[in-house]
Amino acid sequence: MIRLNRLTDIAGIRVGHAEDARVASGVTALVFDQPFVTAVDVRGGGPGTRETDLLDPAATVPAVDGLVLSGGSAFGLDAAAGAVAWLAEQGRGFAVGDVRVPILPGAILFDLLNGGDKAWGRFPPYRDLGYAAAQAARDGAFALGSVGAGHGARTANLKGGLGSASSDVIGLDGVQVGALVAVNAFGRVTMGRGPHFWAAPFERNGEFGGLGVPVPLPPDLLAWPREAPPGASTTLAVVATDAALTKAEAKRLAMAAHDGLARAIHPVHTPLDGDVVFAVSTGRTPLADPVAGMARLASAAADTLARAVAIGVYEATRLPCLDLPAWREL
């Protein structure tokens, strides 16, 4: 199999984007080839989510048809409705008698203050964007940077964006993990105002510039960001694996993957942010030792998510309406 360093290296997951340049916002949809076990862990104090309660291990629905990540704050919750409409046209969904109901949890980030035209009138554009993103979902390579849910994203000092990465799980033959993240963080993903990424120790093959760790460390390494108010942010992520997990094990994976955000963003999980990590299992490869295997898998998921965060900002491009530079400009 060709390795793309994308979430779609996990077979059975397709990704699509849709953006509205005038609004300066967008949507990313993940469409699963069949329902997959999915869980979620929320660490931010101000989340915006849809259908995440059914991901609890005690909930009835065993698996879901996909996920939606959207800009637009509460308005962006409409994006999942559009993607659900597309899935319904494909005959997808949880069977209830002779009716099928697509199950598509989602989460939103705040990008309402990025300079785009948010005067959309009675109907926000997100339902149509969600439909378009689901319709565009494909396997293989997909665009990174200022696309989809990362289109209008920002960080404290740089343009945010959508990133993705993948890796083999060392010690687990045939098991892979992938990550996708919309980086819209209150904190910085770089060490102070310099170019070096917090995720530098986890970088592979120069995927986000190959600068490594600065020596000496910059004096503003831990300076508190002042460029954006807490609450005007939120980072949304998905980690996926082809290891076979229960919903409870997927929940544990989502919890551990948050460490990837903590390794790549400073500060993170502020009280008014809505940081969310979903975890998906396609179930292809059983774990011979569930306890030791989960430990290795969780560690790899956190490392891979940290890399994806840096890649999202590394690949981002400036928005004309947002007076914030892209990393590549500097």
Foldseek 3Di string as FASTA:
>chain_A
DDFDQFQLVAPQKWKFKFDDLQQQWIKMKIFGNAFFQKAKDWQAQAWDKDPRVCLPLVHDDFGAGIEMEIEDANLLVLLVVLLQVLCVVVVDADDDPPDGGHGYMYTYKFLNPQQHDQPPPPHGCRSVRSNNGNVRIDRDDDDFALIHRQVRACELFARFIKFKGKDAQPPFPPKIKMKIKRFRYPFDQAQANDLHGLLQVLDDPCLQNNPHADVPRDPCRQPRRDRDDPQNTEMEMEMEMQEADGSVLQNVLNVLLVLLVPSRTPPDSYNNYTYMYMYTYNHNHYDPDVVVVSVSSSVNNNSRSNNRRSNNQSSHQDRPSGPHHGSVVD
